[in-house]
């Protein structure tokens, strides 16, 4: 189950569970669409992979026998921030931005 992190790890903008501008890598690093496009150039500064839109978890459970939805499995509340400097991010992005994620 995804953590659904509450913020962009670069600019710290709020990304609530229903945010349609949240992007994640395969390790669930979480950034807003603006930072992914304009700063990171679709390169995760941690793993070097690409990003996809983060799924939106339903608010409620739609199956009586299952304890699903945000009411039973809430989103994370601990804010995370990138540990990489602007220079480190720029260097990795410059190296990988022209290589499609599936070929990295």
PDB file of N, CA and C in Angstrom:
ATOM      1  N   UNK A   1       0.845  -1.171   0.000  1.00  0.00           N
ATOM      2  CA  UNK A   1       0.000   0.000   0.000  1.00  0.00           C
ATOM      3  C   UNK A   1       0.888   1.230   0.000  1.00  0.00           C
ATOM      4  N   UNK A   2       0.549   2.199  -0.822  1.00  0.00           N
ATOM      5  CA  UNK A   2       1.314   3.438  -0.903  1.00  0.00           C
ATOM      6  C   UNK A   2       1.167   4.272   0.367  1.00  0.00           C
ATOM      7  N   UNK A   3       2.250   4.957   0.704  1.00  0.00           N
ATOM      8  CA  UNK A   3       2.259   5.840   1.866  1.00  0.00           C
ATOM      9  C   UNK A   3       1.392   7.081   1.659  1.00  0.00           C
ATOM     10  N   UNK A   4       1.334   7.563   0.438  1.00  0.00           N
ATOM     11  CA  UNK A   4       0.656   8.828   0.104  1.00  0.00           C
ATOM     12  C   UNK A   4       1.263   9.974   0.915  1.00  0.00           C
ATOM     13  N   UNK A   5       2.518  10.249   0.630  1.00  0.00           N
ATOM     14  CA  UNK A   5       3.241  11.307   1.344  1.00  0.00           C
ATOM     15  C   UNK A   5       2.563  12.649   1.148  1.00  0.00           C
ATOM     16  N   UNK A   6       2.613  13.514   2.173  1.00  0.00           N
ATOM     17  CA  UNK A   6       1.794  14.727   2.184  1.00  0.00           C
ATOM     18  C   UNK A   6       2.353  15.949   1.471  1.00  0.00           C
ATOM     19  N   UNK A   7       3.578  15.850   0.914  1.00  0.00           N
ATOM     20  CA  UNK A   7       4.164  17.066   0.343  1.00  0.00           C
ATOM     21  C   UNK A   7       5.146  16.739  -0.770  1.00  0.00           C
ATOM     22  N   UNK A   8       5.458  17.764  -1.559  1.00  0.00           N
ATOM     23  CA  UNK A   8       6.507  17.662  -2.567  1.00  0.00           C
ATOM     24  C   UNK A   8       7.837  17.720  -1.822  1.00  0.00           C
ATOM     25  N   UNK A   9       8.703  16.782  -2.118  1.00  0.00           N
ATOM     26  CA  UNK A   9       9.982  16.705  -1.421  1.00  0.00           C
ATOM     27  C   UNK A   9      10.955  17.794  -1.857  1.00  0.00           C
ATOM     28  N   UNK A  10      10.608  18.550  -2.897  1.00  0.00           N
ATOM     29  CA  UNK A  10      11.482  19.639  -3.336  1.00  0.00           C
ATOM     30  C   UNK A  10      10.960  20.998  -2.888  1.00  0.00           C
ATOM     31  N   UNK A  11       9.744  21.364  -3.276  1.00  0.00           N
ATOM     32  CA  UNK A  11       9.224  22.711  -2.973  1.00  0.00           C
ATOM     33  C   UNK A  11       8.315  22.738  -1.754  1.00  0.00           C
ATOM     34  N   UNK A  12       8.006  21.582  -1.187  1.00  0.00           N
ATOM     35  CA  UNK A  12       7.197  21.436   0.022  1.00  0.00           C
ATOM     36  C   UNK A  12       5.722  21.823  -0.148  1.00  0.00           C
ATOM     37  N   UNK A  13       5.237  21.903  -1.377  1.00  0.00           N
ATOM     38  CA  UNK A  13       3.817  22.180  -1.575  1.00  0.00           C
ATOM     39  C   UNK A  13       3.013  21.001  -1.025  1.00  0.00           C
ATOM     40  N   UNK A  14       1.850  21.275  -0.474  1.00  0.00           N
ATOM     41  CA  UNK A  14       0.980  20.224   0.040  1.00  0.00           C
ATOM     42  C   UNK A  14       0.477  19.341  -1.107  1.00  0.00           C
ATOM     43  N   UNK A  15       0.490  18.029  -0.863  1.00  0.00           N
ATOM     44  CA  UNK A  15      -0.054  17.059  -1.821  1.00  0.00           C
ATOM     45  C   UNK A  15      -0.990  16.131  -1.061  1.00  0.00           C
ATOM     46  N   UNK A  16      -2.230  16.583  -0.832  1.00  0.00           N
ATOM     47  CA  UNK A  16      -3.186  15.755  -0.099  1.00  0.00           C
ATOM     48  C   UNK A  16      -3.487  14.462  -0.859  1.00  0.00           C
ATOM     49  N   UNK A  17      -4.128  13.500  -0.219  1.00  0.00           N
ATOM     50  CA  UNK A  17      -4.387  12.199  -0.853  1.00  0.00           C
ATOM     51  C   UNK A  17      -5.113  12.277  -2.191  1.00  0.00           C
ATOM     52  N   UNK A  18      -5.898  13.326  -2.404  1.00  0.00           N
ATOM     53  CA  UNK A  18      -6.636  13.447  -3.666  1.00  0.00           C
ATOM     54  C   UNK A  18      -5.961  14.396  -4.667  1.00  0.00           C
ATOM     55  N   UNK A  19      -4.688  14.729  -4.446  1.00  0.00           N
ATOM     56  CA  UNK A  19      -3.972  15.643  -5.345  1.00  0.00           C
ATOM     57  C   UNK A  19      -3.747  14.994  -6.699  1.00  0.00           C
ATOM     58  N   UNK A  20      -4.176  15.680  -7.746  1.00  0.00           N
ATOM     59  CA  UNK A  20      -3.961  15.133  -9.086  1.00  0.00           C
ATOM     60  C   UNK A  20      -2.620  15.572  -9.669  1.00  0.00           C
ATOM     61  N   UNK A  21      -1.865  16.358  -8.920  1.00  0.00           N
ATOM     62  CA  UNK A  21      -0.553  16.811  -9.374  1.00  0.00           C
ATOM     63  C   UNK A  21       0.602  16.127  -8.634  1.00  0.00           C
ATOM     64  N   UNK A  22       0.315  15.064  -7.894  1.00  0.00           N
ATOM     65  CA  UNK A  22       1.358  14.316  -7.190  1.00  0.00           C
ATOM     66  C   UNK A  22       1.992  13.307  -8.140  1.00  0.00           C
ATOM     67  N   UNK A  23       3.314  13.223  -8.098  1.00  0.00           N
ATOM     68  CA  UNK A  23       4.053  12.273  -8.922  1.00  0.00           C
ATOM     69  C   UNK A  23       4.960  11.453  -8.016  1.00  0.00           C
ATOM     70  N   UNK A  24       5.124  10.153  -8.356  1.00  0.00           N
ATOM     71  CA  UNK A  24       5.980   9.277  -7.557  1.00  0.00           C
ATOM     72  C   UNK A  24       6.891   8.469  -8.472  1.00  0.00           C
ATOM     73  N   UNK A  25       8.046   8.066  -7.914  1.00  0.00           N
ATOM     74  CA  UNK A  25       8.928   7.139  -8.615  1.00  0.00           C
ATOM     75  C   UNK A  25       8.624   5.741  -8.084  1.00  0.00           C
ATOM     76  N   UNK A  26       9.368   4.740  -8.533  1.00  0.00           N
ATOM     77  CA  UNK A  26       9.090   3.372  -8.094  1.00  0.00           C
ATOM     78  C   UNK A  26       9.417   3.151  -6.618  1.00  0.00           C
ATOM     79  N   UNK A  27      10.166   4.071  -6.008  1.00  0.00           N
ATOM     80  CA  UNK A  27      10.459   3.969  -4.575  1.00  0.00           C
ATOM     81  C   UNK A  27       9.552   4.885  -3.755  1.00  0.00           C
ATOM     82  N   UNK A  28       8.598   5.494  -4.410  1.00  0.00           N
ATOM     83  CA  UNK A  28       7.600   6.363  -3.813  1.00  0.00           C
ATOM     84  C   UNK A  28       8.125   7.738  -3.393  1.00  0.00           C
ATOM     85  N   UNK A  29       9.285   8.137  -3.921  1.00  0.00           N
ATOM     86  CA  UNK A  29       9.697   9.533  -3.739  1.00  0.00           C
ATOM     87  C   UNK A  29       8.573  10.366  -4.334  1.00  0.00           C
ATOM     88  N   UNK A  30       8.197  11.439  -3.674  1.00  0.00           N
ATOM     89  CA  UNK A  30       6.996  12.177  -4.050  1.00  0.00           C
ATOM     90  C   UNK A  30       7.311  13.641  -4.345  1.00  0.00           C
ATOM     91  N   UNK A  31       6.889  14.086  -5.521  1.00  0.00           N
ATOM     92  CA  UNK A  31       7.108  15.469  -5.950  1.00  0.00           C
ATOM     93  C   UNK A  31       5.857  15.965  -6.655  1.00  0.00           C
ATOM     94  N   UNK A  32       5.716  17.277  -6.743  1.00  0.00           N
ATOM     95  CA  UNK A  32       4.584  17.842  -7.487  1.00  0.00           C
ATOM     96  C   UNK A  32       4.919  17.819  -8.976  1.00  0.00           C
ATOM     97  N   UNK A  33       3.904  17.872  -9.811  1.00  0.00           N
ATOM     98  CA  UNK A  33       4.097  17.813 -11.257  1.00  0.00           C
ATOM     99  C   UNK A  33       4.979  18.953 -11.748  1.00  0.00           C
ATOM    100  N   UNK A  34       4.849  20.126 -11.160  1.00  0.00           N
ATOM    101  CA  UNK A  34       5.653  21.276 -11.580  1.00  0.00           C
ATOM    102  C   UNK A  34       7.136  21.012 -11.363  1.00  0.00           C
ATOM    103  N   UNK A  35       7.508  20.507 -10.191  1.00  0.00           N
ATOM    104  CA  UNK A  35       8.920  20.215  -9.917  1.00  0.00           C
ATOM    105  C   UNK A  35       9.433  19.080 -10.793  1.00  0.00           C
ATOM    106  N   UNK A  36       8.602  18.054 -11.022  1.00  0.00           N
ATOM    107  CA  UNK A  36       9.018  16.943 -11.879  1.00  0.00           C
ATOM    108  C   UNK A  36       9.318  17.448 -13.289  1.00  0.00           C
ATOM    109  N   UNK A  37       8.492  18.346 -13.793  1.00  0.00           N
ATOM    110  CA  UNK A  37       8.660  18.836 -15.155  1.00  0.00           C
ATOM    111  C   UNK A  37       9.742  19.913 -15.268  1.00  0.00           C
ATOM    112  N   UNK A  38       9.742  20.896 -14.364  1.00  0.00           N
ATOM    113  CA  UNK A  38      10.591  22.066 -14.526  1.00  0.00           C
ATOM    114  C   UNK A  38      11.946  21.982 -13.815  1.00  0.00           C
ATOM    115  N   UNK A  39      12.036  21.205 -12.751  1.00  0.00           N
ATOM    116  CA  UNK A  39      13.281  21.116 -11.989  1.00  0.00           C
ATOM    117  C   UNK A  39      13.979  19.778 -12.221  1.00  0.00           C
ATOM    118  N   UNK A  40      13.220  18.694 -12.105  1.00  0.00           N
ATOM    119  CA  UNK A  40      13.802  17.353 -12.150  1.00  0.00           C
ATOM    120  C   UNK A  40      13.850  16.750 -13.550  1.00  0.00           C
ATOM    121  N   UNK A  41      13.082  17.299 -14.468  1.00  0.00           N
ATOM    122  CA  UNK A  41      13.046  16.816 -15.850  1.00  0.00           C
ATOM    123  C   UNK A  41      12.794  15.312 -15.918  1.00  0.00           C
ATOM    124  N   UNK A  42      11.850  14.859 -15.086  1.00  0.00           N
ATOM    125  CA  UNK A  42      11.419  13.460 -15.005  1.00  0.00           C
ATOM    126  C   UNK A  42      12.550  12.509 -14.586  1.00  0.00           C
ATOM    127  N   UNK A  43      13.463  13.013 -13.753  1.00  0.00           N
ATOM    128  CA  UNK A  43      14.555  12.194 -13.223  1.00  0.00           C
ATOM    129  C   UNK A  43      14.456  12.238 -11.695  1.00  0.00           C
ATOM    130  N   UNK A  44      14.218  11.097 -11.072  1.00  0.00           N
ATOM    131  CA  UNK A  44      14.180  11.058  -9.615  1.00  0.00           C
ATOM    132  C   UNK A  44      15.593  11.323  -9.099  1.00  0.00           C
ATOM    133  N   UNK A  45      15.765  12.313  -8.211  1.00  0.00           N
ATOM    134  CA  UNK A  45      17.109  12.632  -7.722  1.00  0.00           C
ATOM    135  C   UNK A  45      17.699  11.558  -6.817  1.00  0.00           C
ATOM    136  N   UNK A  46      16.888  10.624  -6.370  1.00  0.00           N
ATOM    137  CA  UNK A  46      17.383   9.551  -5.509  1.00  0.00           C
ATOM    138  C   UNK A  46      17.779   8.322  -6.311  1.00  0.00           C
ATOM    139  N   UNK A  47      16.863   7.807  -7.146  1.00  0.00           N
ATOM    140  CA  UNK A  47      17.129   6.545  -7.847  1.00  0.00           C
ATOM    141  C   UNK A  47      17.451   6.712  -9.323  1.00  0.00           C
ATOM    142  N   UNK A  48      17.170   7.887  -9.896  1.00  0.00           N
ATOM    143  CA  UNK A  48      17.419   8.094 -11.317  1.00  0.00           C
ATOM    144  C   UNK A  48      16.299   7.624 -12.219  1.00  0.00           C
ATOM    145  N   UNK A  49      15.245   7.072 -11.646  1.00  0.00           N
ATOM    146  CA  UNK A  49      14.102   6.612 -12.432  1.00  0.00           C
ATOM    147  C   UNK A  49      13.191   7.761 -12.835  1.00  0.00           C
ATOM    148  N   UNK A  50      12.108   7.423 -13.506  1.00  0.00           N
ATOM    149  CA  UNK A  50      11.130   8.416 -13.913  1.00  0.00           C
ATOM    150  C   UNK A  50       9.972   8.486 -12.931  1.00  0.00           C
ATOM    151  N   UNK A  51       8.996   9.320 -13.242  1.00  0.00           N
ATOM    152  CA  UNK A  51       7.843   9.530 -12.374  1.00  0.00           C
ATOM    153  C   UNK A  51       6.544   9.191 -13.100  1.00  0.00           C
ATOM    154  N   UNK A  52       5.543   8.825 -12.313  1.00  0.00           N
ATOM    155  CA  UNK A  52       4.192   8.586 -12.810  1.00  0.00           C
ATOM    156  C   UNK A  52       3.217   9.296 -11.874  1.00  0.00           C
ATOM    157  N   UNK A  53       1.990   9.571 -12.356  1.00  0.00           N
ATOM    158  CA  UNK A  53       1.002  10.158 -11.451  1.00  0.00           C
ATOM    159  C   UNK A  53       0.714   9.220 -10.277  1.00  0.00           C
ATOM    160  N   UNK A  54       0.627   9.776  -9.086  1.00  0.00           N
ATOM    161  CA  UNK A  54       0.308   8.969  -7.904  1.00  0.00           C
ATOM    162  C   UNK A  54      -1.189   8.655  -7.911  1.00  0.00           C
ATOM    163  N   UNK A  55      -1.564   7.404  -7.697  1.00  0.00           N
ATOM    164  CA  UNK A  55      -2.990   7.066  -7.649  1.00  0.00           C
ATOM    165  C   UNK A  55      -3.692   7.777  -6.495  1.00  0.00           C
ATOM    166  N   UNK A  56      -4.976   7.977  -6.646  1.00  0.00           N
ATOM    167  CA  UNK A  56      -5.786   8.595  -5.589  1.00  0.00           C
ATOM    168  C   UNK A  56      -6.528   7.487  -4.859  1.00  0.00           C
ATOM    169  N   UNK A  57      -6.317   7.410  -3.560  1.00  0.00           N
ATOM    170  CA  UNK A  57      -6.985   6.397  -2.741  1.00  0.00           C
ATOM    171  C   UNK A  57      -8.416   6.854  -2.465  1.00  0.00           C
ATOM    172  N   UNK A  58      -9.402   5.993  -2.674  1.00  0.00           N
ATOM    173  CA  UNK A  58     -10.792   6.372  -2.379  1.00  0.00           C
ATOM    174  C   UNK A  58     -10.962   6.773  -0.911  1.00  0.00           C
ATOM    175  N   UNK A  59     -11.879   7.702  -0.691  1.00  0.00           N
ATOM    176  CA  UNK A  59     -12.139   8.164   0.677  1.00  0.00           C
ATOM    177  C   UNK A  59     -12.816   7.092   1.525  1.00  0.00           C
ATOM    178  N   UNK A  60     -13.732   6.375   0.923  1.00  0.00           N
ATOM    179  CA  UNK A  60     -14.489   5.380   1.676  1.00  0.00           C
ATOM    180  C   UNK A  60     -14.276   3.978   1.167  1.00  0.00           C
ATOM    181  N   UNK A  61     -14.780   3.017   1.944  1.00  0.00           N
ATOM    182  CA  UNK A  61     -14.727   1.610   1.556  1.00  0.00           C
ATOM    183  C   UNK A  61     -15.982   1.292   0.751  1.00  0.00           C
ATOM    184  N   UNK A  62     -15.816   0.682  -0.397  1.00  0.00           N
ATOM    185  CA  UNK A  62     -16.950   0.364  -1.255  1.00  0.00           C
ATOM    186  C   UNK A  62     -17.318  -1.113  -1.223  1.00  0.00           C
ATOM    187  N   UNK A  63     -16.600  -1.882  -0.445  1.00  0.00           N
ATOM    188  CA  UNK A  63     -16.905  -3.294  -0.243  1.00  0.00           C
ATOM    189  C   UNK A  63     -17.058  -3.511   1.247  1.00  0.00           C
ATOM    190  N   UNK A  64     -18.203  -3.996   1.681  1.00  0.00           N
ATOM    191  CA  UNK A  64     -18.493  -4.157   3.106  1.00  0.00           C
ATOM    192  C   UNK A  64     -17.490  -5.041   3.837  1.00  0.00           C
ATOM    193  N   UNK A  65     -16.992  -6.061   3.197  1.00  0.00           N
ATOM    194  CA  UNK A  65     -16.116  -7.018   3.869  1.00  0.00           C
ATOM    195  C   UNK A  65     -14.663  -6.529   3.969  1.00  0.00           C
ATOM    196  N   UNK A  66     -14.332  -5.426   3.318  1.00  0.00           N
ATOM    197  CA  UNK A  66     -12.946  -4.964   3.290  1.00  0.00           C
ATOM    198  C   UNK A  66     -12.788  -3.631   4.018  1.00  0.00           C
ATOM    199  N   UNK A  67     -11.693  -3.489   4.705  1.00  0.00           N
ATOM    200  CA  UNK A  67     -11.413  -2.235   5.403  1.00  0.00           C
ATOM    201  C   UNK A  67     -10.427  -1.435   4.559  1.00  0.00           C
ATOM    202  N   UNK A  68     -10.960  -0.859   3.502  1.00  0.00           N
ATOM    203  CA  UNK A  68     -10.157  -0.077   2.571  1.00  0.00           C
ATOM    204  C   UNK A  68     -10.563   1.382   2.622  1.00  0.00           C
ATOM    205  N   UNK A  69      -9.851   2.212   1.887  1.00  0.00           N
ATOM    206  CA  UNK A  69     -10.151   3.637   1.819  1.00  0.00           C
ATOM    207  C   UNK A  69      -9.394   4.416   2.876  1.00  0.00           C
ATOM    208  N   UNK A  70      -9.389   5.728   2.711  1.00  0.00           N
ATOM    209  CA  UNK A  70      -8.662   6.610   3.626  1.00  0.00           C
ATOM    210  C   UNK A  70      -9.145   6.513   5.062  1.00  0.00           C
ATOM    211  N   UNK A  71     -10.401   6.184   5.260  1.00  0.00           N
ATOM    212  CA  UNK A  71     -10.928   6.063   6.615  1.00  0.00           C
ATOM    213  C   UNK A  71     -10.277   4.933   7.393  1.00  0.00           C
ATOM    214  N   UNK A  72      -9.863   3.889   6.702  1.00  0.00           N
ATOM    215  CA  UNK A  72      -9.230   2.739   7.350  1.00  0.00           C
ATOM    216  C   UNK A  72      -7.716   2.745   7.181  1.00  0.00           C
ATOM    217  N   UNK A  73      -7.237   3.285   6.087  1.00  0.00           N
ATOM    218  CA  UNK A  73      -5.797   3.321   5.802  1.00  0.00           C
ATOM    219  C   UNK A  73      -5.432   4.734   5.370  1.00  0.00           C
ATOM    220  N   UNK A  74      -5.241   5.622   6.360  1.00  0.00           N
ATOM    221  CA  UNK A  74      -5.008   7.043   6.063  1.00  0.00           C
ATOM    222  C   UNK A  74      -3.656   7.300   5.403  1.00  0.00           C
ATOM    223  N   UNK A  75      -3.565   8.445   4.785  1.00  0.00           N
ATOM    224  CA  UNK A  75      -2.318   8.884   4.164  1.00  0.00           C
ATOM    225  C   UNK A  75      -1.298   9.233   5.243  1.00  0.00           C
ATOM    226  N   UNK A  76      -0.034   9.217   4.865  1.00  0.00           N
ATOM    227  CA  UNK A  76       1.046   9.585   5.781  1.00  0.00           C
ATOM    228  C   UNK A  76       0.930  11.061   6.149  1.00  0.00           C
ATOM    229  N   UNK A  77       1.464  11.415   7.299  1.00  0.00           N
ATOM    230  CA  UNK A  77       1.456  12.812   7.735  1.00  0.00           C
ATOM    231  C   UNK A  77       2.867  13.379   7.914  1.00  0.00           C
ATOM    232  N   UNK A  78       3.868  12.521   7.884  1.00  0.00           N
ATOM    233  CA  UNK A  78       5.249  12.974   8.056  1.00  0.00           C
ATOM    234  C   UNK A  78       5.764  13.557   6.750  1.00  0.00           C
ATOM    235  N   UNK A  79       6.152  14.816   6.802  1.00  0.00           N
ATOM    236  CA  UNK A  79       6.670  15.498   5.623  1.00  0.00           C
ATOM    237  C   UNK A  79       8.103  15.050   5.361  1.00  0.00           C
ATOM    238  N   UNK A  80       8.426  14.879   4.081  1.00  0.00           N
ATOM    239  CA  UNK A  80       9.778  14.466   3.681  1.00  0.00           C
ATOM    240  C   UNK A  80      10.363  15.551   2.784  1.00  0.00           C
ATOM    241  N   UNK A  81      11.672  15.647   2.796  1.00  0.00           N
ATOM    242  CA  UNK A  81      12.362  16.644   1.977  1.00  0.00           C
ATOM    243  C   UNK A  81      13.565  15.984   1.320  1.00  0.00           C
ATOM    244  N   UNK A  82      13.845  16.389   0.116  1.00  0.00           N
ATOM    245  CA  UNK A  82      14.970  15.818  -0.625  1.00  0.00           C
ATOM    246  C   UNK A  82      16.261  16.062   0.135  1.00  0.00           C
ATOM    247  N   UNK A  83      17.104  15.060   0.162  1.00  0.00           N
ATOM    248  CA  UNK A  83      18.391  15.210   0.838  1.00  0.00           C
ATOM    249  C   UNK A  83      19.473  15.701  -0.108  1.00  0.00           C
ATOM    250  N   UNK A  84      19.105  15.887  -1.369  1.00  0.00           N
ATOM    251  CA  UNK A  84      20.072  16.266  -2.397  1.00  0.00           C
ATOM    252  C   UNK A  84      20.112  17.775  -2.578  1.00  0.00           C
ATOM    253  N   UNK A  85      21.294  18.295  -2.818  1.00  0.00           N
ATOM    254  CA  UNK A  85      21.449  19.736  -3.051  1.00  0.00           C
ATOM    255  C   UNK A  85      20.995  20.079  -4.464  1.00  0.00           C
ATOM    256  N   UNK A  86      20.803  21.348  -4.705  1.00  0.00           N
ATOM    257  CA  UNK A  86      20.403  21.792  -6.028  1.00  0.00           C
ATOM    258  C   UNK A  86      21.455  21.396  -7.066  1.00  0.00           C
ATOM    259  N   UNK A  87      22.714  21.482  -6.711  1.00  0.00           N
ATOM    260  CA  UNK A  87      23.797  21.104  -7.622  1.00  0.00           C
ATOM    261  C   UNK A  87      23.774  19.612  -7.918  1.00  0.00           C
ATOM    262  N   UNK A  88      23.584  18.798  -6.897  1.00  0.00           N
ATOM    263  CA  UNK A  88      23.530  17.343  -7.097  1.00  0.00           C
ATOM    264  C   UNK A  88      22.350  16.954  -7.983  1.00  0.00           C
ATOM    265  N   UNK A  89      21.214  17.592  -7.771  1.00  0.00           N
ATOM    266  CA  UNK A  89      20.030  17.306  -8.591  1.00  0.00           C
ATOM    267  C   UNK A  89      20.287  17.714 -10.035  1.00  0.00           C
ATOM    268  N   UNK A  90      20.833  18.895 -10.230  1.00  0.00           N
ATOM    269  CA  UNK A  90      21.101  19.377 -11.589  1.00  0.00           C
ATOM    270  C   UNK A  90      22.067  18.439 -12.321  1.00  0.00           C
ATOM    271  N   UNK A  91      23.119  17.987 -11.639  1.00  0.00           N
ATOM    272  CA  UNK A  91      24.104  17.098 -12.270  1.00  0.00           C
ATOM    273  C   UNK A  91      23.462  15.775 -12.708  1.00  0.00           C
ATOM    274  N   UNK A  92      22.648  15.174 -11.834  1.00  0.00           N
ATOM    275  CA  UNK A  92      22.005  13.905 -12.191  1.00  0.00           C
ATOM    276  C   UNK A  92      20.992  14.107 -13.305  1.00  0.00           C
ATOM    277  N   UNK A  93      20.217  15.169 -13.217  1.00  0.00           N
ATOM    278  CA  UNK A  93      19.215  15.448 -14.257  1.00  0.00           C
ATOM    279  C   UNK A  93      19.880  15.698 -15.598  1.00  0.00           C
ATOM    280  N   UNK A  94      20.994  16.450 -15.599  1.00  0.00           N
ATOM    281  CA  UNK A  94      21.709  16.712 -16.849  1.00  0.00           C
ATOM    282  C   UNK A  94      22.223  15.411 -17.464  1.00  0.00           C
ATOM    283  N   UNK A  95      22.620  14.466 -16.619  1.00  0.00           N
ATOM    284  CA  UNK A  95      23.148  13.193 -17.094  1.00  0.00           C
ATOM    285  C   UNK A  95      22.058  12.295 -17.663  1.00  0.00           C
ATOM    286  N   UNK A  96      20.871  12.279 -17.041  1.00  0.00           N
ATOM    287  CA  UNK A  96      19.839  11.298 -17.381  1.00  0.00           C
ATOM    288  C   UNK A  96      18.614  11.828 -18.119  1.00  0.00           C
ATOM    289  N   UNK A  97      18.419  13.127 -18.181  1.00  0.00           N
ATOM    290  CA  UNK A  97      17.168  13.689 -18.717  1.00  0.00           C
ATOM    291  C   UNK A  97      16.893  13.278 -20.158  1.00  0.00           C
ATOM    292  N   UNK A  98      17.922  13.089 -20.971  1.00  0.00           N
ATOM    293  CA  UNK A  98      17.705  12.724 -22.370  1.00  0.00           C
ATOM    294  C   UNK A  98      17.557  11.219 -22.594  1.00  0.00           C
ATOM    295  N   UNK A  99      17.676  10.442 -21.523  1.00  0.00           N
ATOM    296  CA  UNK A  99      17.511   9.000 -21.620  1.00  0.00           C
ATOM    297  C   UNK A  99      16.127   8.628 -21.068  1.00  0.00           C
ATOM    298  N   UNK A 100      15.276   8.002 -21.857  1.00  0.00           N
ATOM    299  CA  UNK A 100      13.946   7.638 -21.369  1.00  0.00           C
ATOM    300  C   UNK A 100      14.051   6.746 -20.120  1.00  0.00           C
ATOM    301  N   UNK A 101      13.109   6.878 -19.176  1.00  0.00           N
ATOM    302  CA  UNK A 101      13.161   6.085 -17.939  1.00  0.00           C
ATOM    303  C   UNK A 101      13.320   4.587 -18.173  1.00  0.00           C
ATOM    304  N   UNK A 102      12.696   4.057 -19.217  1.00  0.00           N
ATOM    305  CA  UNK A 102      12.780   2.608 -19.459  1.00  0.00           C
ATOM    306  C   UNK A 102      14.158   2.162 -19.939  1.00  0.00           C
ATOM    307  N   UNK A 103      15.042   3.119 -20.262  1.00  0.00           N
ATOM    308  CA  UNK A 103      16.397   2.778 -20.718  1.00  0.00           C
ATOM    309  C   UNK A 103      17.472   3.200 -19.710  1.00  0.00           C
ATOM    310  N   UNK A 104      17.057   3.692 -18.555  1.00  0.00           N
ATOM    311  CA  UNK A 104      18.045   4.115 -17.554  1.00  0.00           C
ATOM    312  C   UNK A 104      18.513   2.941 -16.737  1.00  0.00           C
TER     313      UNK A 104
END
